[in-house]
Amino acid sequence: MFITVEKLLSKTQVAELRKSLDAAEWVDGKVTAGSQSGAVKQNQQLPENSSVSQQAGLEILDALARHPTFISAALPQWREFWRAR
């Protein structure tokens, strides 16, 4: 089942995230690919230990934790995840 979570971030938040992502250093996506998928993987990604990636992820998780549509759809699983965080 797919549920649309609309207006998760404000236009200002999206602009700030985009600015951070545009300024970040991206690496070849093959660095996290296995031997079989590395031959065909063609993407750029943030390094796993990137502060930009970590900050963006936390901002999105925080927004999800406050969004009523997401909470109602994921409530049982989300409570356990959020407690473990």
PDB file of N, CA and C in Angstrom:
ATOM      1  N   MET A   1       0.833  -1.167   0.000  1.00  0.00           N
ATOM      2  CA  MET A   1       0.000   0.000   0.000  1.00  0.00           C
ATOM      3  C   MET A   1       0.890   1.247   0.000  1.00  0.00           C
ATOM      4  N   PHE A   2       0.533   2.194  -0.813  1.00  0.00           N
ATOM      5  CA  PHE A   2       1.237   3.472  -0.861  1.00  0.00           C
ATOM      6  C   PHE A   2       0.353   4.552  -0.254  1.00  0.00           C
ATOM      7  N   ILE A   3       0.947   5.376   0.571  1.00  0.00           N
ATOM      8  CA  ILE A   3       0.242   6.501   1.163  1.00  0.00           C
ATOM      9  C   ILE A   3       1.049   7.755   0.864  1.00  0.00           C
ATOM     10  N   THR A   4       0.395   8.759   0.350  1.00  0.00           N
ATOM     11  CA  THR A   4       1.062  10.016   0.047  1.00  0.00           C
ATOM     12  C   THR A   4       1.113  10.875   1.302  1.00  0.00           C
ATOM     13  N   VAL A   5       2.317  11.321   1.642  1.00  0.00           N
ATOM     14  CA  VAL A   5       2.500  12.220   2.782  1.00  0.00           C
ATOM     15  C   VAL A   5       2.789  13.591   2.180  1.00  0.00           C
ATOM     16  N   GLU A   6       1.763  14.409   2.118  1.00  0.00           N
ATOM     17  CA  GLU A   6       1.888  15.713   1.472  1.00  0.00           C
ATOM     18  C   GLU A   6       2.427  16.766   2.429  1.00  0.00           C
ATOM     19  N   LYS A   7       3.150  17.714   1.864  1.00  0.00           N
ATOM     20  CA  LYS A   7       3.662  18.873   2.598  1.00  0.00           C
ATOM     21  C   LYS A   7       4.444  18.462   3.839  1.00  0.00           C
ATOM     22  N   LEU A   8       5.319  17.479   3.671  1.00  0.00           N
ATOM     23  CA  LEU A   8       6.145  17.018   4.778  1.00  0.00           C
ATOM     24  C   LEU A   8       7.105  18.105   5.232  1.00  0.00           C
ATOM     25  N   LEU A   9       7.704  18.790   4.258  1.00  0.00           N
ATOM     26  CA  LEU A   9       8.637  19.878   4.548  1.00  0.00           C
ATOM     27  C   LEU A   9       8.097  21.167   3.942  1.00  0.00           C
ATOM     28  N   SER A  10       8.418  22.275   4.574  1.00  0.00           N
ATOM     29  CA  SER A  10       8.013  23.571   4.024  1.00  0.00           C
ATOM     30  C   SER A  10       8.887  23.908   2.816  1.00  0.00           C
ATOM     31  N   LYS A  11       8.466  24.891   2.043  1.00  0.00           N
ATOM     32  CA  LYS A  11       9.271  25.324   0.895  1.00  0.00           C
ATOM     33  C   LYS A  11      10.635  25.812   1.353  1.00  0.00           C
ATOM     34  N   THR A  12      10.694  26.459   2.495  1.00  0.00           N
ATOM     35  CA  THR A  12      11.972  26.943   3.037  1.00  0.00           C
ATOM     36  C   THR A  12      12.869  25.769   3.414  1.00  0.00           C
ATOM     37  N   GLN A  13      12.304  24.765   4.058  1.00  0.00           N
ATOM     38  CA  GLN A  13      13.090  23.590   4.430  1.00  0.00           C
ATOM     39  C   GLN A  13      13.634  22.877   3.198  1.00  0.00           C
ATOM     40  N   VAL A  14      12.796  22.732   2.184  1.00  0.00           N
ATOM     41  CA  VAL A  14      13.236  22.080   0.945  1.00  0.00           C
ATOM     42  C   VAL A  14      14.360  22.880   0.301  1.00  0.00           C
ATOM     43  N   ALA A  15      14.229  24.197   0.251  1.00  0.00           N
ATOM     44  CA  ALA A  15      15.265  25.050  -0.345  1.00  0.00           C
ATOM     45  C   ALA A  15      16.579  24.928   0.418  1.00  0.00           C
ATOM     46  N   GLU A  16      16.504  24.897   1.752  1.00  0.00           N
ATOM     47  CA  GLU A  16      17.719  24.769   2.557  1.00  0.00           C
ATOM     48  C   GLU A  16      18.377  23.400   2.369  1.00  0.00           C
ATOM     49  N   LEU A  17      17.560  22.348   2.345  1.00  0.00           N
ATOM     50  CA  LEU A  17      18.102  21.011   2.099  1.00  0.00           C
ATOM     51  C   LEU A  17      18.742  20.931   0.715  1.00  0.00           C
ATOM     52  N   ARG A  18      18.057  21.486  -0.261  1.00  0.00           N
ATOM     53  CA  ARG A  18      18.573  21.463  -1.638  1.00  0.00           C
ATOM     54  C   ARG A  18      19.911  22.199  -1.725  1.00  0.00           C
ATOM     55  N   LYS A  19      20.009  23.330  -1.054  1.00  0.00           N
ATOM     56  CA  LYS A  19      21.252  24.105  -1.051  1.00  0.00           C
ATOM     57  C   LYS A  19      22.389  23.287  -0.438  1.00  0.00           C
ATOM     58  N   SER A  20      22.112  22.617   0.674  1.00  0.00           N
ATOM     59  CA  SER A  20      23.121  21.766   1.312  1.00  0.00           C
ATOM     60  C   SER A  20      23.519  20.604   0.411  1.00  0.00           C
ATOM     61  N   LEU A  21      22.529  19.978  -0.209  1.00  0.00           N
ATOM     62  CA  LEU A  21      22.811  18.837  -1.092  1.00  0.00           C
ATOM     63  C   LEU A  21      23.588  19.267  -2.330  1.00  0.00           C
ATOM     64  N   ASP A  22      23.245  20.429  -2.873  1.00  0.00           N
ATOM     65  CA  ASP A  22      23.958  20.924  -4.057  1.00  0.00           C
ATOM     66  C   ASP A  22      25.420  21.225  -3.750  1.00  0.00           C
ATOM     67  N   ALA A  23      25.699  21.667  -2.521  1.00  0.00           N
ATOM     68  CA  ALA A  23      27.065  22.021  -2.139  1.00  0.00           C
ATOM     69  C   ALA A  23      27.883  20.819  -1.652  1.00  0.00           C
ATOM     70  N   ALA A  24      27.214  19.706  -1.398  1.00  0.00           N
ATOM     71  CA  ALA A  24      27.885  18.531  -0.846  1.00  0.00           C
ATOM     72  C   ALA A  24      28.751  17.838  -1.887  1.00  0.00           C
ATOM     73  N   GLU A  25      29.702  17.071  -1.398  1.00  0.00           N
ATOM     74  CA  GLU A  25      30.546  16.260  -2.271  1.00  0.00           C
ATOM     75  C   GLU A  25      29.876  14.903  -2.467  1.00  0.00           C
ATOM     76  N   TRP A  26      29.647  14.550  -3.714  1.00  0.00           N
ATOM     77  CA  TRP A  26      28.985  13.296  -4.057  1.00  0.00           C
ATOM     78  C   TRP A  26      30.030  12.309  -4.562  1.00  0.00           C
ATOM     79  N   VAL A  27      29.763  11.019  -4.367  1.00  0.00           N
ATOM     80  CA  VAL A  27      30.691   9.976  -4.809  1.00  0.00           C
ATOM     81  C   VAL A  27      29.966   8.988  -5.717  1.00  0.00           C
ATOM     82  N   ASP A  28      30.735   8.195  -6.411  1.00  0.00           N
ATOM     83  CA  ASP A  28      30.179   7.167  -7.287  1.00  0.00           C
ATOM     84  C   ASP A  28      29.379   6.169  -6.453  1.00  0.00           C
ATOM     85  N   GLY A  29      28.175   5.868  -6.873  1.00  0.00           N
ATOM     86  CA  GLY A  29      27.305   4.952  -6.157  1.00  0.00           C
ATOM     87  C   GLY A  29      27.823   3.532  -6.086  1.00  0.00           C
ATOM     88  N   LYS A  30      28.799   3.212  -6.892  1.00  0.00           N
ATOM     89  CA  LYS A  30      29.350   1.856  -6.890  1.00  0.00           C
ATOM     90  C   LYS A  30      30.088   1.535  -5.596  1.00  0.00           C
ATOM     91  N   VAL A  31      30.429   2.570  -4.801  1.00  0.00           N
ATOM     92  CA  VAL A  31      31.175   2.313  -3.566  1.00  0.00           C
ATOM     93  C   VAL A  31      30.368   1.476  -2.574  1.00  0.00           C
ATOM     94  N   THR A  32      29.042   1.476  -2.684  1.00  0.00           N
ATOM     95  CA  THR A  32      28.216   0.673  -1.777  1.00  0.00           C
ATOM     96  C   THR A  32      27.557  -0.500  -2.491  1.00  0.00           C
ATOM     97  N   ALA A  33      27.921  -0.721  -3.740  1.00  0.00           N
ATOM     98  CA  ALA A  33      27.319  -1.802  -4.520  1.00  0.00           C
ATOM     99  C   ALA A  33      28.091  -3.104  -4.320  1.00  0.00           C
ATOM    100  N   GLY A  34      27.384  -4.180  -4.442  1.00  0.00           N
ATOM    101  CA  GLY A  34      28.020  -5.490  -4.415  1.00  0.00           C
ATOM    102  C   GLY A  34      28.699  -5.781  -5.739  1.00  0.00           C
ATOM    103  N   SER A  35      29.328  -6.924  -5.830  1.00  0.00           N
ATOM    104  CA  SER A  35      30.081  -7.250  -7.044  1.00  0.00           C
ATOM    105  C   SER A  35      29.196  -7.354  -8.279  1.00  0.00           C
ATOM    106  N   GLN A  36      28.010  -7.891  -8.143  1.00  0.00           N
ATOM    107  CA  GLN A  36      27.125  -8.020  -9.302  1.00  0.00           C
ATOM    108  C   GLN A  36      26.473  -6.692  -9.671  1.00  0.00           C
ATOM    109  N   SER A  37      25.991  -5.962  -8.689  1.00  0.00           N
ATOM    110  CA  SER A  37      25.292  -4.714  -9.006  1.00  0.00           C
ATOM    111  C   SER A  37      26.252  -3.591  -9.379  1.00  0.00           C
ATOM    112  N   GLY A  38      27.502  -3.669  -8.951  1.00  0.00           N
ATOM    113  CA  GLY A  38      28.483  -2.633  -9.268  1.00  0.00           C
ATOM    114  C   GLY A  38      28.719  -2.471 -10.753  1.00  0.00           C
ATOM    115  N   ALA A  39      28.539  -3.542 -11.497  1.00  0.00           N
ATOM    116  CA  ALA A  39      28.765  -3.492 -12.945  1.00  0.00           C
ATOM    117  C   ALA A  39      27.713  -2.643 -13.661  1.00  0.00           C
ATOM    118  N   VAL A  40      26.545  -2.495 -13.074  1.00  0.00           N
ATOM    119  CA  VAL A  40      25.468  -1.764 -13.754  1.00  0.00           C
ATOM    120  C   VAL A  40      25.013  -0.513 -13.020  1.00  0.00           C
ATOM    121  N   LYS A  41      25.459  -0.339 -11.804  1.00  0.00           N
ATOM    122  CA  LYS A  41      25.015   0.812 -11.004  1.00  0.00           C
ATOM    123  C   LYS A  41      25.637   2.088 -11.551  1.00  0.00           C
ATOM    124  N   GLN A  42      24.810   3.065 -11.845  1.00  0.00           N
ATOM    125  CA  GLN A  42      25.275   4.334 -12.404  1.00  0.00           C
ATOM    126  C   GLN A  42      24.564   5.487 -11.693  1.00  0.00           C
ATOM    127  N   ASN A  43      25.068   5.838 -10.528  1.00  0.00           N
ATOM    128  CA  ASN A  43      24.474   6.950  -9.790  1.00  0.00           C
ATOM    129  C   ASN A  43      25.526   7.614  -8.922  1.00  0.00           C
ATOM    130  N   GLN A  44      25.194   8.770  -8.426  1.00  0.00           N
ATOM    131  CA  GLN A  44      26.023   9.488  -7.460  1.00  0.00           C
ATOM    132  C   GLN A  44      25.277   9.458  -6.132  1.00  0.00           C
ATOM    133  N   GLN A  45      26.016   9.426  -5.039  1.00  0.00           N
ATOM    134  CA  GLN A  45      25.394   9.432  -3.726  1.00  0.00           C
ATOM    135  C   GLN A  45      26.302  10.135  -2.735  1.00  0.00           C
ATOM    136  N   LEU A  46      25.712  10.545  -1.634  1.00  0.00           N
ATOM    137  CA  LEU A  46      26.514  11.138  -0.577  1.00  0.00           C
ATOM    138  C   LEU A  46      27.272  10.024   0.134  1.00  0.00           C
ATOM    139  N   PRO A  47      28.481  10.296   0.582  1.00  0.00           N
ATOM    140  CA  PRO A  47      29.200   9.281   1.358  1.00  0.00           C
ATOM    141  C   PRO A  47      28.389   8.904   2.600  1.00  0.00           C
ATOM    142  N   GLU A  48      28.506   7.663   3.035  1.00  0.00           N
ATOM    143  CA  GLU A  48      27.712   7.178   4.167  1.00  0.00           C
ATOM    144  C   GLU A  48      27.946   7.980   5.442  1.00  0.00           C
ATOM    145  N   ASN A  49      29.138   8.487   5.637  1.00  0.00           N
ATOM    146  CA  ASN A  49      29.454   9.240   6.850  1.00  0.00           C
ATOM    147  C   ASN A  49      29.320  10.754   6.665  1.00  0.00           C
ATOM    148  N   SER A  50      28.672  11.172   5.605  1.00  0.00           N
ATOM    149  CA  SER A  50      28.508  12.595   5.299  1.00  0.00           C
ATOM    150  C   SER A  50      27.633  13.292   6.331  1.00  0.00           C
ATOM    151  N   SER A  51      28.102  14.427   6.845  1.00  0.00           N
ATOM    152  CA  SER A  51      27.293  15.193   7.792  1.00  0.00           C
ATOM    153  C   SER A  51      26.043  15.754   7.113  1.00  0.00           C
ATOM    154  N   VAL A  52      26.143  16.080   5.833  1.00  0.00           N
ATOM    155  CA  VAL A  52      24.975  16.582   5.087  1.00  0.00           C
ATOM    156  C   VAL A  52      23.907  15.493   5.018  1.00  0.00           C
ATOM    157  N   SER A  53      24.318  14.277   4.720  1.00  0.00           N
ATOM    158  CA  SER A  53      23.386  13.155   4.646  1.00  0.00           C
ATOM    159  C   SER A  53      22.736  12.888   5.995  1.00  0.00           C
ATOM    160  N   GLN A  54      23.532  12.884   7.041  1.00  0.00           N
ATOM    161  CA  GLN A  54      23.008  12.622   8.382  1.00  0.00           C
ATOM    162  C   GLN A  54      22.034  13.709   8.819  1.00  0.00           C
ATOM    163  N   GLN A  55      22.381  14.966   8.568  1.00  0.00           N
ATOM    164  CA  GLN A  55      21.509  16.079   8.958  1.00  0.00           C
ATOM    165  C   GLN A  55      20.194  16.046   8.173  1.00  0.00           C
ATOM    166  N   ALA A  56      20.280  15.793   6.878  1.00  0.00           N
ATOM    167  CA  ALA A  56      19.067  15.718   6.054  1.00  0.00           C
ATOM    168  C   ALA A  56      18.175  14.577   6.527  1.00  0.00           C
ATOM    169  N   GLY A  57      18.780  13.450   6.818  1.00  0.00           N
ATOM    170  CA  GLY A  57      18.010  12.305   7.296  1.00  0.00           C
ATOM    171  C   GLY A  57      17.290  12.601   8.601  1.00  0.00           C
ATOM    172  N   LEU A  58      17.984  13.237   9.529  1.00  0.00           N
ATOM    173  CA  LEU A  58      17.359  13.588  10.809  1.00  0.00           C
ATOM    174  C   LEU A  58      16.217  14.585  10.636  1.00  0.00           C
ATOM    175  N   GLU A  59      16.425  15.550   9.753  1.00  0.00           N
ATOM    176  CA  GLU A  59      15.363  16.542   9.509  1.00  0.00           C
ATOM    177  C   GLU A  59      14.118  15.872   8.940  1.00  0.00           C
ATOM    178  N   ILE A  60      14.316  14.934   8.022  1.00  0.00           N
ATOM    179  CA  ILE A  60      13.176  14.230   7.426  1.00  0.00           C
ATOM    180  C   ILE A  60      12.504  13.329   8.456  1.00  0.00           C
ATOM    181  N   LEU A  61      13.290  12.617   9.261  1.00  0.00           N
ATOM    182  CA  LEU A  61      12.707  11.773  10.306  1.00  0.00           C
ATOM    183  C   LEU A  61      11.914  12.601  11.313  1.00  0.00           C
ATOM    184  N   ASP A  62      12.445  13.744  11.688  1.00  0.00           N
ATOM    185  CA  ASP A  62      11.724  14.616  12.621  1.00  0.00           C
ATOM    186  C   ASP A  62      10.405  15.100  12.017  1.00  0.00           C
ATOM    187  N   ALA A  63      10.426  15.448  10.737  1.00  0.00           N
ATOM    188  CA  ALA A  63       9.196  15.897  10.072  1.00  0.00           C
ATOM    189  C   ALA A  63       8.173  14.757  10.000  1.00  0.00           C
ATOM    190  N   LEU A  64       8.650  13.554   9.725  1.00  0.00           N
ATOM    191  CA  LEU A  64       7.741  12.400   9.698  1.00  0.00           C
ATOM    192  C   LEU A  64       7.126  12.152  11.069  1.00  0.00           C
ATOM    193  N   ALA A  65       7.920  12.321  12.114  1.00  0.00           N
ATOM    194  CA  ALA A  65       7.426  12.083  13.475  1.00  0.00           C
ATOM    195  C   ALA A  65       6.317  13.044  13.865  1.00  0.00           C
ATOM    196  N   ARG A  66       6.230  14.181  13.187  1.00  0.00           N
ATOM    197  CA  ARG A  66       5.202  15.178  13.487  1.00  0.00           C
ATOM    198  C   ARG A  66       4.032  15.149  12.506  1.00  0.00           C
ATOM    199  N   HIS A  67       4.139  14.375  11.438  1.00  0.00           N
ATOM    200  CA  HIS A  67       3.118  14.426  10.385  1.00  0.00           C
ATOM    201  C   HIS A  67       1.987  13.436  10.680  1.00  0.00           C
ATOM    202  N   PRO A  68       0.747  13.931  10.834  1.00  0.00           N
ATOM    203  CA  PRO A  68      -0.359  13.052  11.223  1.00  0.00           C
ATOM    204  C   PRO A  68      -0.657  11.937  10.224  1.00  0.00           C
ATOM    205  N   THR A  69      -0.505  12.179   8.933  1.00  0.00           N
ATOM    206  CA  THR A  69      -0.763  11.126   7.951  1.00  0.00           C
ATOM    207  C   THR A  69       0.231   9.988   8.120  1.00  0.00           C
ATOM    208  N   PHE A  70       1.486  10.326   8.279  1.00  0.00           N
ATOM    209  CA  PHE A  70       2.503   9.297   8.455  1.00  0.00           C
ATOM    210  C   PHE A  70       2.286   8.539   9.763  1.00  0.00           C
ATOM    211  N   ILE A  71       2.024   9.263  10.830  1.00  0.00           N
ATOM    212  CA  ILE A  71       1.833   8.631  12.131  1.00  0.00           C
ATOM    213  C   ILE A  71       0.659   7.659  12.099  1.00  0.00           C
ATOM    214  N   SER A  72      -0.447   8.070  11.509  1.00  0.00           N
ATOM    215  CA  SER A  72      -1.616   7.180  11.478  1.00  0.00           C
ATOM    216  C   SER A  72      -1.367   5.948  10.615  1.00  0.00           C
ATOM    217  N   ALA A  73      -0.559   6.067   9.591  1.00  0.00           N
ATOM    218  CA  ALA A  73      -0.286   4.929   8.711  1.00  0.00           C
ATOM    219  C   ALA A  73       0.752   3.980   9.301  1.00  0.00           C
ATOM    220  N   ALA A  74       1.683   4.516  10.069  1.00  0.00           N
ATOM    221  CA  ALA A  74       2.807   3.711  10.538  1.00  0.00           C
ATOM    222  C   ALA A  74       2.867   3.589  12.051  1.00  0.00           C
ATOM    223  N   LEU A  75       1.819   3.954  12.735  1.00  0.00           N
ATOM    224  CA  LEU A  75       1.867   4.086  14.186  1.00  0.00           C
ATOM    225  C   LEU A  75       2.473   2.894  14.929  1.00  0.00           C
ATOM    226  N   PRO A  76       2.018   1.684  14.730  1.00  0.00           N
ATOM    227  CA  PRO A  76       2.606   0.594  15.523  1.00  0.00           C
ATOM    228  C   PRO A  76       4.110   0.427  15.302  1.00  0.00           C
ATOM    229  N   GLN A  77       4.549   0.408  14.062  1.00  0.00           N
ATOM    230  CA  GLN A  77       5.963   0.238  13.756  1.00  0.00           C
ATOM    231  C   GLN A  77       6.755   1.482  14.112  1.00  0.00           C
ATOM    232  N   TRP A  78       6.203   2.646  13.911  1.00  0.00           N
ATOM    233  CA  TRP A  78       6.915   3.903  14.115  1.00  0.00           C
ATOM    234  C   TRP A  78       7.240   4.126  15.593  1.00  0.00           C
ATOM    235  N   ARG A  79       6.314   3.809  16.462  1.00  0.00           N
ATOM    236  CA  ARG A  79       6.566   4.000  17.898  1.00  0.00           C
ATOM    237  C   ARG A  79       7.803   3.218  18.330  1.00  0.00           C
ATOM    238  N   GLU A  80       7.899   1.970  17.898  1.00  0.00           N
ATOM    239  CA  GLU A  80       9.050   1.140  18.273  1.00  0.00           C
ATOM    240  C   GLU A  80      10.340   1.686  17.662  1.00  0.00           C
ATOM    241  N   PHE A  81      10.282   2.125  16.418  1.00  0.00           N
ATOM    242  CA  PHE A  81      11.465   2.686  15.773  1.00  0.00           C
ATOM    243  C   PHE A  81      11.917   3.943  16.495  1.00  0.00           C
ATOM    244  N   TRP A  82      10.983   4.821  16.792  1.00  0.00           N
ATOM    245  CA  TRP A  82      11.338   6.109  17.388  1.00  0.00           C
ATOM    246  C   TRP A  82      11.907   5.924  18.797  1.00  0.00           C
ATOM    247  N   ARG A  83      11.373   4.969  19.542  1.00  0.00           N
ATOM    248  CA  ARG A  83      11.905   4.688  20.880  1.00  0.00           C
ATOM    249  C   ARG A  83      13.333   4.181  20.803  1.00  0.00           C
ATOM    250  N   ALA A  84      13.624   3.375  19.812  1.00  0.00           N
ATOM    251  CA  ALA A  84      14.970   2.800  19.662  1.00  0.00           C
ATOM    252  C   ALA A  84      15.985   3.841  19.219  1.00  0.00           C
ATOM    253  N   ARG A  85      15.541   4.911  18.649  1.00  0.00           N
ATOM    254  CA  ARG A  85      16.415   5.950  18.126  1.00  0.00           C
ATOM    255  C   ARG A  85      17.029   6.657  19.271  1.00  0.00           C
TER     256      ARG A  85
END
